């Protein structure tokens, strides 16, 4: 198989921003199908009655990083994505939901501060791989939850097209 390059890139304008604004999570088993082409999700269907849950995040506290892992020796490549979020304040409701998140396999849609929406975990699910709750020490310290979700898949995260977001009532 020939691996043919298709384009080059010039310098981009300095008009983007970093960080994650909010995320939506649903159980992996709730996704009945999705359509993907050229790195974009053009359709996503959930099993009847299922919906994504929105998690609004404090400013400048969330991020995702995708790591590409090629093996020259084995002729393989896969992508590992790590999504880190913080939820402010400790409460029984958050404690109980974090407990559920820790045992569930998930699919995430992530909205960046640049306004892009990214799908993660569609092929194999995303798992919580680290989590902590903290009270802080000083009055100004964070109190709440720090959660990390990861997944490894063949494809890196993919952009979600606007029509999918509308169909899922995500904004």
Foldseek 3Di string as FASTA:
>chain_A
DDDDDDDDDDDDDPPADWFFFKKWKWFLQQWPDWDDDPQETAATDGPPPTATDIDGADPPFKHKDKDWDADPVVRAIKIKMKIKGWDFDDDPVQVVVVVVQQPGFMWMWIQTPRGWTWIPQNPPGKHWPDKDADDDDDPPDTGGMMTMIMDMGRDDIGTYDPVRCVVRVHD
